């Protein structure tokens, strides 16, 4: 089961999200709704989005379209920068990097801890 948490750091203009586990399509849709509700209170072009993926599992093929949709939203919403933080997981890093390239998210940075 996948979970997510959103926190907005208004002092440093960082939209923080933490995603964990394995997302089902339903989990993905719930996270999109929470993201959109939180986004209404900020101007994305003034913010970076930092996503903590250190406890995220590799996505199944059935959830990849939702993941692509999320990356597309980050691009369309116009965040200054998209920063993904991962534990050392080469497969997840490749998967997220490929999704970012697929949607043309050029300001995406993937960091390993």
PDB file of N, CA and C in Angstrom:
ATOM      1  N   UNK A   1       0.835  -1.189   0.000  1.00  0.00           N
ATOM      2  CA  UNK A   1       0.000   0.000   0.000  1.00  0.00           C
ATOM      3  C   UNK A   1       0.882   1.255   0.000  1.00  0.00           C
ATOM      4  N   UNK A   2       0.484   2.215  -0.772  1.00  0.00           N
ATOM      5  CA  UNK A   2       1.249   3.449  -0.856  1.00  0.00           C
ATOM      6  C   UNK A   2       0.667   4.531   0.028  1.00  0.00           C
ATOM      7  N   UNK A   3       1.547   5.380   0.536  1.00  0.00           N
ATOM      8  CA  UNK A   3       1.077   6.511   1.333  1.00  0.00           C
ATOM      9  C   UNK A   3       1.838   7.763   0.923  1.00  0.00           C
ATOM     10  N   UNK A   4       1.260   8.907   1.258  1.00  0.00           N
ATOM     11  CA  UNK A   4       1.873  10.179   0.883  1.00  0.00           C
ATOM     12  C   UNK A   4       1.575  11.192   1.973  1.00  0.00           C
ATOM     13  N   UNK A   5       2.462  12.178   2.056  1.00  0.00           N
ATOM     14  CA  UNK A   5       2.296  13.253   3.027  1.00  0.00           C
ATOM     15  C   UNK A   5       2.789  14.533   2.358  1.00  0.00           C
ATOM     16  N   UNK A   6       2.048  15.611   2.542  1.00  0.00           N
ATOM     17  CA  UNK A   6       2.420  16.888   1.925  1.00  0.00           C
ATOM     18  C   UNK A   6       2.609  17.935   3.007  1.00  0.00           C
ATOM     19  N   UNK A   7       3.686  18.710   2.865  1.00  0.00           N
ATOM     20  CA  UNK A   7       3.973  19.790   3.805  1.00  0.00           C
ATOM     21  C   UNK A   7       4.499  20.975   2.986  1.00  0.00           C
ATOM     22  N   UNK A   8       3.984  22.148   3.248  1.00  0.00           N
ATOM     23  CA  UNK A   8       4.430  23.331   2.505  1.00  0.00           C
ATOM     24  C   UNK A   8       5.291  24.201   3.416  1.00  0.00           C
ATOM     25  N   UNK A   9       6.555  24.367   3.018  1.00  0.00           N
ATOM     26  CA  UNK A   9       7.494  25.217   3.743  1.00  0.00           C
ATOM     27  C   UNK A   9       7.431  26.603   3.097  1.00  0.00           C
ATOM     28  N   UNK A  10       6.597  27.462   3.658  1.00  0.00           N
ATOM     29  CA  UNK A  10       6.373  28.791   3.060  1.00  0.00           C
ATOM     30  C   UNK A  10       7.574  29.719   3.260  1.00  0.00           C
ATOM     31  N   UNK A  11       8.376  29.469   4.286  1.00  0.00           N
ATOM     32  CA  UNK A  11       9.551  30.298   4.540  1.00  0.00           C
ATOM     33  C   UNK A  11      10.585  30.129   3.435  1.00  0.00           C
ATOM     34  N   UNK A  12      10.815  28.875   3.022  1.00  0.00           N
ATOM     35  CA  UNK A  12      11.833  28.585   2.016  1.00  0.00           C
ATOM     36  C   UNK A  12      11.246  28.308   0.634  1.00  0.00           C
ATOM     37  N   UNK A  13       9.940  28.469   0.493  1.00  0.00           N
ATOM     38  CA  UNK A  13       9.248  28.210  -0.776  1.00  0.00           C
ATOM     39  C   UNK A  13       9.532  26.809  -1.324  1.00  0.00           C
ATOM     40  N   UNK A  14       9.273  25.827  -0.455  1.00  0.00           N
ATOM     41  CA  UNK A  14       9.447  24.433  -0.864  1.00  0.00           C
ATOM     42  C   UNK A  14       8.152  23.669  -0.586  1.00  0.00           C
ATOM     43  N   UNK A  15       7.638  23.047  -1.623  1.00  0.00           N
ATOM     44  CA  UNK A  15       6.480  22.160  -1.520  1.00  0.00           C
ATOM     45  C   UNK A  15       7.065  20.773  -1.301  1.00  0.00           C
ATOM     46  N   UNK A  16       6.861  20.226  -0.103  1.00  0.00           N
ATOM     47  CA  UNK A  16       7.478  18.944   0.248  1.00  0.00           C
ATOM     48  C   UNK A  16       6.433  17.836   0.207  1.00  0.00           C
ATOM     49  N   UNK A  17       6.807  16.747  -0.421  1.00  0.00           N
ATOM     50  CA  UNK A  17       5.941  15.572  -0.447  1.00  0.00           C
ATOM     51  C   UNK A  17       6.785  14.356  -0.101  1.00  0.00           C
ATOM     52  N   UNK A  18       6.205  13.430   0.646  1.00  0.00           N
ATOM     53  CA  UNK A  18       6.885  12.170   0.965  1.00  0.00           C
ATOM     54  C   UNK A  18       5.988  11.048   0.476  1.00  0.00           C
ATOM     55  N   UNK A  19       6.547  10.159  -0.325  1.00  0.00           N
ATOM     56  CA  UNK A  19       5.792   9.015  -0.833  1.00  0.00           C
ATOM     57  C   UNK A  19       6.474   7.734  -0.366  1.00  0.00           C
ATOM     58  N   UNK A  20       5.650   6.766   0.030  1.00  0.00           N
ATOM     59  CA  UNK A  20       6.190   5.522   0.590  1.00  0.00           C
ATOM     60  C   UNK A  20       5.407   4.327   0.067  1.00  0.00           C
ATOM     61  N   UNK A  21       6.092   3.201   0.008  1.00  0.00           N
ATOM     62  CA  UNK A  21       5.429   1.938  -0.297  1.00  0.00           C
ATOM     63  C   UNK A  21       5.184   1.716  -1.774  1.00  0.00           C
ATOM     64  N   UNK A  22       4.169   0.889  -2.040  1.00  0.00           N
ATOM     65  CA  UNK A  22       3.801   0.531  -3.397  1.00  0.00           C
ATOM     66  C   UNK A  22       2.424   1.117  -3.680  1.00  0.00           C
ATOM     67  N   UNK A  23       2.354   1.964  -4.673  1.00  0.00           N
ATOM     68  CA  UNK A  23       1.102   2.643  -4.987  1.00  0.00           C
ATOM     69  C   UNK A  23       0.217   1.810  -5.894  1.00  0.00           C
ATOM     70  N   UNK A  24      -1.041   1.702  -5.517  1.00  0.00           N
ATOM     71  CA  UNK A  24      -2.058   1.139  -6.404  1.00  0.00           C
ATOM     72  C   UNK A  24      -2.600   2.304  -7.231  1.00  0.00           C
ATOM     73  N   UNK A  25      -3.348   2.026  -8.289  1.00  0.00           N
ATOM     74  CA  UNK A  25      -3.960   3.140  -9.024  1.00  0.00           C
ATOM     75  C   UNK A  25      -4.826   4.019  -8.108  1.00  0.00           C
ATOM     76  N   UNK A  26      -5.520   3.407  -7.147  1.00  0.00           N
ATOM     77  CA  UNK A  26      -6.357   4.177  -6.219  1.00  0.00           C
ATOM     78  C   UNK A  26      -5.505   5.085  -5.327  1.00  0.00           C
ATOM     79  N   UNK A  27      -4.385   4.559  -4.812  1.00  0.00           N
ATOM     80  CA  UNK A  27      -3.471   5.370  -3.990  1.00  0.00           C
ATOM     81  C   UNK A  27      -2.955   6.548  -4.811  1.00  0.00           C
ATOM     82  N   UNK A  28      -2.632   6.275  -6.071  1.00  0.00           N
ATOM     83  CA  UNK A  28      -2.123   7.326  -6.951  1.00  0.00           C
ATOM     84  C   UNK A  28      -3.141   8.432  -7.155  1.00  0.00           C
ATOM     85  N   UNK A  29      -4.401   8.045  -7.361  1.00  0.00           N
ATOM     86  CA  UNK A  29      -5.445   9.049  -7.569  1.00  0.00           C
ATOM     87  C   UNK A  29      -5.678   9.867  -6.300  1.00  0.00           C
ATOM     88  N   UNK A  30      -5.625   9.227  -5.132  1.00  0.00           N
ATOM     89  CA  UNK A  30      -5.786   9.953  -3.866  1.00  0.00           C
ATOM     90  C   UNK A  30      -4.653  10.956  -3.670  1.00  0.00           C
ATOM     91  N   UNK A  31      -3.428  10.555  -4.030  1.00  0.00           N
ATOM     92  CA  UNK A  31      -2.291  11.467  -3.870  1.00  0.00           C
ATOM     93  C   UNK A  31      -2.429  12.660  -4.820  1.00  0.00           C
ATOM     94  N   UNK A  32      -2.964  12.431  -6.019  1.00  0.00           N
ATOM     95  CA  UNK A  32      -3.180  13.525  -6.977  1.00  0.00           C
ATOM     96  C   UNK A  32      -4.189  14.519  -6.405  1.00  0.00           C
ATOM     97  N   UNK A  33      -5.269  14.018  -5.812  1.00  0.00           N
ATOM     98  CA  UNK A  33      -6.286  14.909  -5.224  1.00  0.00           C
ATOM     99  C   UNK A  33      -5.681  15.748  -4.099  1.00  0.00           C
ATOM    100  N   UNK A  34      -4.885  15.124  -3.231  1.00  0.00           N
ATOM    101  CA  UNK A  34      -4.256  15.856  -2.123  1.00  0.00           C
ATOM    102  C   UNK A  34      -3.273  16.892  -2.660  1.00  0.00           C
ATOM    103  N   UNK A  35      -2.525  16.516  -3.682  1.00  0.00           N
ATOM    104  CA  UNK A  35      -1.568  17.437  -4.314  1.00  0.00           C
ATOM    105  C   UNK A  35      -2.303  18.659  -4.854  1.00  0.00           C
ATOM    106  N   UNK A  36      -3.376  18.423  -5.603  1.00  0.00           N
ATOM    107  CA  UNK A  36      -4.102  19.528  -6.216  1.00  0.00           C
ATOM    108  C   UNK A  36      -4.739  20.439  -5.164  1.00  0.00           C
ATOM    109  N   UNK A  37      -5.241  19.848  -4.088  1.00  0.00           N
ATOM    110  CA  UNK A  37      -5.840  20.654  -3.016  1.00  0.00           C
ATOM    111  C   UNK A  37      -4.777  21.520  -2.343  1.00  0.00           C
ATOM    112  N   UNK A  38      -3.582  20.961  -2.103  1.00  0.00           N
ATOM    113  CA  UNK A  38      -2.499  21.712  -1.460  1.00  0.00           C
ATOM    114  C   UNK A  38      -1.953  22.799  -2.381  1.00  0.00           C
ATOM    115  N   UNK A  39      -1.925  22.520  -3.665  1.00  0.00           N
ATOM    116  CA  UNK A  39      -1.372  23.443  -4.648  1.00  0.00           C
ATOM    117  C   UNK A  39      -2.169  24.740  -4.721  1.00  0.00           C
ATOM    118  N   UNK A  40      -3.447  24.667  -4.404  1.00  0.00           N
ATOM    119  CA  UNK A  40      -4.325  25.834  -4.509  1.00  0.00           C
ATOM    120  C   UNK A  40      -3.874  26.984  -3.607  1.00  0.00           C
ATOM    121  N   UNK A  41      -3.087  26.679  -2.573  1.00  0.00           N
ATOM    122  CA  UNK A  41      -2.692  27.715  -1.616  1.00  0.00           C
ATOM    123  C   UNK A  41      -1.349  28.374  -1.935  1.00  0.00           C
ATOM    124  N   UNK A  42      -0.697  27.967  -3.043  1.00  0.00           N
ATOM    125  CA  UNK A  42       0.617  28.540  -3.380  1.00  0.00           C
ATOM    126  C   UNK A  42       0.664  28.939  -4.857  1.00  0.00           C
ATOM    127  N   UNK A  43       1.745  29.641  -5.228  1.00  0.00           N
ATOM    128  CA  UNK A  43       2.047  29.940  -6.624  1.00  0.00           C
ATOM    129  C   UNK A  43       3.225  29.046  -7.007  1.00  0.00           C
ATOM    130  N   UNK A  44       2.975  27.936  -7.722  1.00  0.00           N
ATOM    131  CA  UNK A  44       4.034  26.950  -7.983  1.00  0.00           C
ATOM    132  C   UNK A  44       5.305  27.533  -8.607  1.00  0.00           C
ATOM    133  N   UNK A  45       5.181  28.556  -9.457  1.00  0.00           N
ATOM    134  CA  UNK A  45       6.371  29.096 -10.122  1.00  0.00           C
ATOM    135  C   UNK A  45       7.337  29.749  -9.132  1.00  0.00           C
ATOM    136  N   UNK A  46       6.876  30.004  -7.910  1.00  0.00           N
ATOM    137  CA  UNK A  46       7.737  30.582  -6.875  1.00  0.00           C
ATOM    138  C   UNK A  46       8.324  29.498  -5.959  1.00  0.00           C
ATOM    139  N   UNK A  47       7.978  28.240  -6.216  1.00  0.00           N
ATOM    140  CA  UNK A  47       8.358  27.137  -5.329  1.00  0.00           C
ATOM    141  C   UNK A  47       9.159  26.072  -6.055  1.00  0.00           C
ATOM    142  N   UNK A  48       9.958  25.352  -5.265  1.00  0.00           N
ATOM    143  CA  UNK A  48      10.545  24.090  -5.699  1.00  0.00           C
ATOM    144  C   UNK A  48       9.665  23.000  -5.103  1.00  0.00           C
ATOM    145  N   UNK A  49       9.597  21.859  -5.768  1.00  0.00           N
ATOM    146  CA  UNK A  49       8.917  20.716  -5.179  1.00  0.00           C
ATOM    147  C   UNK A  49       9.977  19.674  -4.860  1.00  0.00           C
ATOM    148  N   UNK A  50      10.012  19.256  -3.607  1.00  0.00           N
ATOM    149  CA  UNK A  50      10.956  18.238  -3.149  1.00  0.00           C
ATOM    150  C   UNK A  50      10.150  16.997  -2.781  1.00  0.00           C
ATOM    151  N   UNK A  51      10.451  15.893  -3.416  1.00  0.00           N
ATOM    152  CA  UNK A  51       9.709  14.660  -3.170  1.00  0.00           C
ATOM    153  C   UNK A  51      10.656  13.625  -2.584  1.00  0.00           C
ATOM    154  N   UNK A  52      10.349  13.203  -1.366  1.00  0.00           N
ATOM    155  CA  UNK A  52      11.139  12.191  -0.669  1.00  0.00           C
ATOM    156  C   UNK A  52      10.633  10.822  -1.102  1.00  0.00           C
ATOM    157  N   UNK A  53      11.438  10.123  -1.888  1.00  0.00           N
ATOM    158  CA  UNK A  53      11.076   8.798  -2.402  1.00  0.00           C
ATOM    159  C   UNK A  53      11.927   7.711  -1.750  1.00  0.00           C
ATOM    160  N   UNK A  54      12.543   8.013  -0.592  1.00  0.00           N
ATOM    161  CA  UNK A  54      13.485   7.062   0.008  1.00  0.00           C
ATOM    162  C   UNK A  54      12.814   5.755   0.430  1.00  0.00           C
ATOM    163  N   UNK A  55      11.503   5.785   0.658  1.00  0.00           N
ATOM    164  CA  UNK A  55      10.799   4.564   1.052  1.00  0.00           C
ATOM    165  C   UNK A  55       9.765   4.147  -0.001  1.00  0.00           C
ATOM    166  N   UNK A  56       9.956   4.638  -1.232  1.00  0.00           N
ATOM    167  CA  UNK A  56       9.057   4.290  -2.329  1.00  0.00           C
ATOM    168  C   UNK A  56       9.564   3.033  -3.016  1.00  0.00           C
ATOM    169  N   UNK A  57       8.629   2.164  -3.397  1.00  0.00           N
ATOM    170  CA  UNK A  57       8.976   0.957  -4.149  1.00  0.00           C
ATOM    171  C   UNK A  57       8.839   1.233  -5.644  1.00  0.00           C
ATOM    172  N   UNK A  58       9.488   0.404  -6.439  1.00  0.00           N
ATOM    173  CA  UNK A  58       9.387   0.516  -7.890  1.00  0.00           C
ATOM    174  C   UNK A  58       7.911   0.377  -8.273  1.00  0.00           C
ATOM    175  N   UNK A  59       7.464   1.179  -9.220  1.00  0.00           N
ATOM    176  CA  UNK A  59       6.058   1.151  -9.647  1.00  0.00           C
ATOM    177  C   UNK A  59       5.790  -0.009 -10.596  1.00  0.00           C
ATOM    178  N   UNK A  60       4.609  -0.586 -10.462  1.00  0.00           N
ATOM    179  CA  UNK A  60       4.201  -1.656 -11.372  1.00  0.00           C
ATOM    180  C   UNK A  60       3.770  -1.023 -12.696  1.00  0.00           C
ATOM    181  N   UNK A  61       3.769  -1.821 -13.758  1.00  0.00           N
ATOM    182  CA  UNK A  61       3.356  -1.274 -15.057  1.00  0.00           C
ATOM    183  C   UNK A  61       1.960  -0.638 -15.021  1.00  0.00           C
ATOM    184  N   UNK A  62       1.074  -1.152 -14.193  1.00  0.00           N
ATOM    185  CA  UNK A  62      -0.297  -0.612 -14.152  1.00  0.00           C
ATOM    186  C   UNK A  62      -0.356   0.788 -13.545  1.00  0.00           C
ATOM    187  N   UNK A  63       0.640   1.155 -12.736  1.00  0.00           N
ATOM    188  CA  UNK A  63       0.614   2.485 -12.125  1.00  0.00           C
ATOM    189  C   UNK A  63       1.512   3.491 -12.844  1.00  0.00           C
ATOM    190  N   UNK A  64       2.269   3.043 -13.826  1.00  0.00           N
ATOM    191  CA  UNK A  64       3.160   3.968 -14.541  1.00  0.00           C
ATOM    192  C   UNK A  64       2.413   5.120 -15.211  1.00  0.00           C
ATOM    193  N   UNK A  65       1.237   4.894 -15.812  1.00  0.00           N
ATOM    194  CA  UNK A  65       0.530   6.045 -16.404  1.00  0.00           C
ATOM    195  C   UNK A  65       0.183   7.118 -15.365  1.00  0.00           C
ATOM    196  N   UNK A  66      -0.123   6.714 -14.137  1.00  0.00           N
ATOM    197  CA  UNK A  66      -0.429   7.689 -13.081  1.00  0.00           C
ATOM    198  C   UNK A  66       0.843   8.454 -12.715  1.00  0.00           C
ATOM    199  N   UNK A  67       1.968   7.734 -12.600  1.00  0.00           N
ATOM    200  CA  UNK A  67       3.245   8.371 -12.290  1.00  0.00           C
ATOM    201  C   UNK A  67       3.601   9.376 -13.387  1.00  0.00           C
ATOM    202  N   UNK A  68       3.402   8.983 -14.647  1.00  0.00           N
ATOM    203  CA  UNK A  68       3.662   9.913 -15.751  1.00  0.00           C
ATOM    204  C   UNK A  68       2.753  11.133 -15.642  1.00  0.00           C
ATOM    205  N   UNK A  69       1.496  10.900 -15.263  1.00  0.00           N
ATOM    206  CA  UNK A  69       0.556  12.008 -15.096  1.00  0.00           C
ATOM    207  C   UNK A  69       1.003  12.968 -14.010  1.00  0.00           C
ATOM    208  N   UNK A  70       1.545  12.420 -12.922  1.00  0.00           N
ATOM    209  CA  UNK A  70       2.043  13.269 -11.829  1.00  0.00           C
ATOM    210  C   UNK A  70       3.206  14.131 -12.317  1.00  0.00           C
ATOM    211  N   UNK A  71       4.153  13.518 -13.019  1.00  0.00           N
ATOM    212  CA  UNK A  71       5.299  14.278 -13.529  1.00  0.00           C
ATOM    213  C   UNK A  71       4.826  15.347 -14.511  1.00  0.00           C
ATOM    214  N   UNK A  72       3.810  15.019 -15.313  1.00  0.00           N
ATOM    215  CA  UNK A  72       3.257  15.983 -16.265  1.00  0.00           C
ATOM    216  C   UNK A  72       2.658  17.166 -15.495  1.00  0.00           C
ATOM    217  N   UNK A  73       1.986  16.893 -14.371  1.00  0.00           N
ATOM    218  CA  UNK A  73       1.413  17.973 -13.547  1.00  0.00           C
ATOM    219  C   UNK A  73       2.509  18.873 -13.010  1.00  0.00           C
ATOM    220  N   UNK A  74       3.605  18.283 -12.512  1.00  0.00           N
ATOM    221  CA  UNK A  74       4.701  19.098 -11.973  1.00  0.00           C
ATOM    222  C   UNK A  74       5.228  20.028 -13.054  1.00  0.00           C
ATOM    223  N   UNK A  75       5.316  19.502 -14.282  1.00  0.00           N
ATOM    224  CA  UNK A  75       5.804  20.311 -15.403  1.00  0.00           C
ATOM    225  C   UNK A  75       4.804  21.426 -15.723  1.00  0.00           C
ATOM    226  N   UNK A  76       3.531  21.080 -15.872  1.00  0.00           N
ATOM    227  CA  UNK A  76       2.504  22.059 -16.238  1.00  0.00           C
ATOM    228  C   UNK A  76       2.299  23.105 -15.148  1.00  0.00           C
ATOM    229  N   UNK A  77       2.439  22.692 -13.890  1.00  0.00           N
ATOM    230  CA  UNK A  77       2.225  23.628 -12.793  1.00  0.00           C
ATOM    231  C   UNK A  77       3.360  24.629 -12.672  1.00  0.00           C
ATOM    232  N   UNK A  78       4.515  24.331 -13.286  1.00  0.00           N
ATOM    233  CA  UNK A  78       5.580  25.317 -13.406  1.00  0.00           C
ATOM    234  C   UNK A  78       6.473  25.499 -12.197  1.00  0.00           C
ATOM    235  N   UNK A  79       6.703  24.431 -11.429  1.00  0.00           N
ATOM    236  CA  UNK A  79       7.641  24.542 -10.306  1.00  0.00           C
ATOM    237  C   UNK A  79       9.012  24.959 -10.816  1.00  0.00           C
ATOM    238  N   UNK A  80       9.740  25.739  -9.992  1.00  0.00           N
ATOM    239  CA  UNK A  80      11.085  26.183 -10.362  1.00  0.00           C
ATOM    240  C   UNK A  80      12.007  24.991 -10.569  1.00  0.00           C
ATOM    241  N   UNK A  81      11.863  23.990  -9.704  1.00  0.00           N
ATOM    242  CA  UNK A  81      12.728  22.824  -9.759  1.00  0.00           C
ATOM    243  C   UNK A  81      11.982  21.652  -9.144  1.00  0.00           C
ATOM    244  N   UNK A  82      12.248  20.455  -9.636  1.00  0.00           N
ATOM    245  CA  UNK A  82      11.659  19.235  -9.099  1.00  0.00           C
ATOM    246  C   UNK A  82      12.819  18.382  -8.599  1.00  0.00           C
ATOM    247  N   UNK A  83      12.858  18.128  -7.291  1.00  0.00           N
ATOM    248  CA  UNK A  83      13.957  17.377  -6.685  1.00  0.00           C
ATOM    249  C   UNK A  83      13.409  16.090  -6.086  1.00  0.00           C
ATOM    250  N   UNK A  84      13.903  14.956  -6.566  1.00  0.00           N
ATOM    251  CA  UNK A  84      13.508  13.653  -6.049  1.00  0.00           C
ATOM    252  C   UNK A  84      14.668  13.094  -5.240  1.00  0.00           C
ATOM    253  N   UNK A  85      14.405  12.619  -4.047  1.00  0.00           N
ATOM    254  CA  UNK A  85      15.439  12.022  -3.205  1.00  0.00           C
ATOM    255  C   UNK A  85      15.116  10.537  -3.036  1.00  0.00           C
ATOM    256  N   UNK A  86      16.091   9.691  -3.390  1.00  0.00           N
ATOM    257  CA  UNK A  86      15.901   8.242  -3.325  1.00  0.00           C
ATOM    258  C   UNK A  86      16.960   7.600  -2.450  1.00  0.00           C
ATOM    259  N   UNK A  87      16.609   6.435  -1.911  1.00  0.00           N
ATOM    260  CA  UNK A  87      17.631   5.579  -1.318  1.00  0.00           C
ATOM    261  C   UNK A  87      18.376   4.960  -2.508  1.00  0.00           C
ATOM    262  N   UNK A  88      19.487   4.300  -2.291  1.00  0.00           N
ATOM    263  CA  UNK A  88      20.206   3.685  -3.410  1.00  0.00           C
ATOM    264  C   UNK A  88      19.353   2.558  -3.980  1.00  0.00           C
ATOM    265  N   UNK A  89      18.711   2.840  -5.087  1.00  0.00           N
ATOM    266  CA  UNK A  89      17.846   1.878  -5.761  1.00  0.00           C
ATOM    267  C   UNK A  89      17.955   2.150  -7.259  1.00  0.00           C
ATOM    268  N   UNK A  90      18.897   1.475  -7.932  1.00  0.00           N
ATOM    269  CA  UNK A  90      19.146   1.759  -9.346  1.00  0.00           C
ATOM    270  C   UNK A  90      17.908   1.583 -10.229  1.00  0.00           C
ATOM    271  N   UNK A  91      17.066   0.596  -9.917  1.00  0.00           N
ATOM    272  CA  UNK A  91      15.884   0.353 -10.747  1.00  0.00           C
ATOM    273  C   UNK A  91      14.899   1.509 -10.611  1.00  0.00           C
ATOM    274  N   UNK A  92      14.642   1.946  -9.371  1.00  0.00           N
ATOM    275  CA  UNK A  92      13.729   3.067  -9.152  1.00  0.00           C
ATOM    276  C   UNK A  92      14.296   4.337  -9.785  1.00  0.00           C
ATOM    277  N   UNK A  93      15.604   4.541  -9.652  1.00  0.00           N
ATOM    278  CA  UNK A  93      16.234   5.728 -10.236  1.00  0.00           C
ATOM    279  C   UNK A  93      16.050   5.740 -11.750  1.00  0.00           C
ATOM    280  N   UNK A  94      16.257   4.572 -12.385  1.00  0.00           N
ATOM    281  CA  UNK A  94      16.071   4.475 -13.838  1.00  0.00           C
ATOM    282  C   UNK A  94      14.616   4.727 -14.211  1.00  0.00           C
ATOM    283  N   UNK A  95      13.698   4.137 -13.430  1.00  0.00           N
ATOM    284  CA  UNK A  95      12.280   4.284 -13.726  1.00  0.00           C
ATOM    285  C   UNK A  95      11.841   5.748 -13.636  1.00  0.00           C
ATOM    286  N   UNK A  96      12.207   6.422 -12.555  1.00  0.00           N
ATOM    287  CA  UNK A  96      11.819   7.822 -12.377  1.00  0.00           C
ATOM    288  C   UNK A  96      12.490   8.719 -13.425  1.00  0.00           C
ATOM    289  N   UNK A  97      13.757   8.438 -13.727  1.00  0.00           N
ATOM    290  CA  UNK A  97      14.459   9.210 -14.751  1.00  0.00           C
ATOM    291  C   UNK A  97      13.814   9.052 -16.111  1.00  0.00           C
ATOM    292  N   UNK A  98      13.405   7.826 -16.433  1.00  0.00           N
ATOM    293  CA  UNK A  98      12.754   7.565 -17.711  1.00  0.00           C
ATOM    294  C   UNK A  98      11.405   8.288 -17.793  1.00  0.00           C
ATOM    295  N   UNK A  99      10.632   8.253 -16.717  1.00  0.00           N
ATOM    296  CA  UNK A  99       9.334   8.943 -16.701  1.00  0.00           C
ATOM    297  C   UNK A  99       9.535  10.453 -16.879  1.00  0.00           C
ATOM    298  N   UNK A 100      10.526  11.017 -16.180  1.00  0.00           N
ATOM    299  CA  UNK A 100      10.802  12.454 -16.315  1.00  0.00           C
ATOM    300  C   UNK A 100      11.156  12.807 -17.764  1.00  0.00           C
ATOM    301  N   UNK A 101      11.988  11.981 -18.399  1.00  0.00           N
ATOM    302  CA  UNK A 101      12.359  12.232 -19.798  1.00  0.00           C
ATOM    303  C   UNK A 101      11.148  12.077 -20.722  1.00  0.00           C
ATOM    304  N   UNK A 102      10.307  11.074 -20.458  1.00  0.00           N
ATOM    305  CA  UNK A 102       9.133  10.815 -21.295  1.00  0.00           C
ATOM    306  C   UNK A 102       8.210  12.028 -21.353  1.00  0.00           C
ATOM    307  N   UNK A 103       8.006  12.677 -20.208  1.00  0.00           N
ATOM    308  CA  UNK A 103       7.086  13.831 -20.173  1.00  0.00           C
ATOM    309  C   UNK A 103       7.807  15.157 -20.433  1.00  0.00           C
ATOM    310  N   UNK A 104       9.147  15.111 -20.612  1.00  0.00           N
ATOM    311  CA  UNK A 104       9.896  16.329 -20.902  1.00  0.00           C
ATOM    312  C   UNK A 104      10.103  17.222 -19.694  1.00  0.00           C
ATOM    313  N   UNK A 105      10.189  16.603 -18.512  1.00  0.00           N
ATOM    314  CA  UNK A 105      10.415  17.368 -17.279  1.00  0.00           C
ATOM    315  C   UNK A 105      11.912  17.631 -17.145  1.00  0.00           C
ATOM    316  N   UNK A 106      12.371  18.742 -17.715  1.00  0.00           N
ATOM    317  CA  UNK A 106      13.796  19.012 -17.812  1.00  0.00           C
ATOM    318  C   UNK A 106      14.413  19.537 -16.534  1.00  0.00           C
ATOM    319  N   UNK A 107      13.601  20.089 -15.619  1.00  0.00           N
ATOM    320  CA  UNK A 107      14.146  20.648 -14.377  1.00  0.00           C
ATOM    321  C   UNK A 107      14.017  19.640 -13.230  1.00  0.00           C
ATOM    322  N   UNK A 108      14.176  18.345 -13.562  1.00  0.00           N
ATOM    323  CA  UNK A 108      14.076  17.294 -12.551  1.00  0.00           C
ATOM    324  C   UNK A 108      15.478  16.832 -12.159  1.00  0.00           C
ATOM    325  N   UNK A 109      15.685  16.786 -10.868  1.00  0.00           N
ATOM    326  CA  UNK A 109      16.980  16.393 -10.307  1.00  0.00           C
ATOM    327  C   UNK A 109      16.734  15.174  -9.409  1.00  0.00           C
ATOM    328  N   UNK A 110      17.511  14.101  -9.616  1.00  0.00           N
ATOM    329  CA  UNK A 110      17.354  12.896  -8.804  1.00  0.00           C
ATOM    330  C   UNK A 110      18.600  12.720  -7.954  1.00  0.00           C
ATOM    331  N   UNK A 111      18.407  12.728  -6.634  1.00  0.00           N
ATOM    332  CA  UNK A 111      19.521  12.587  -5.694  1.00  0.00           C
ATOM    333  C   UNK A 111      19.376  11.290  -4.917  1.00  0.00           C
ATOM    334  N   UNK A 112      20.509  10.628  -4.679  1.00  0.00           N
ATOM    335  CA  UNK A 112      20.502   9.424  -3.853  1.00  0.00           C
ATOM    336  C   UNK A 112      21.139   9.727  -2.498  1.00  0.00           C
ATOM    337  N   UNK A 113      20.578   9.135  -1.454  1.00  0.00           N
ATOM    338  CA  UNK A 113      21.137   9.303  -0.120  1.00  0.00           C
ATOM    339  C   UNK A 113      21.607   7.979   0.432  1.00  0.00           C
TER     340      UNK A 113
END
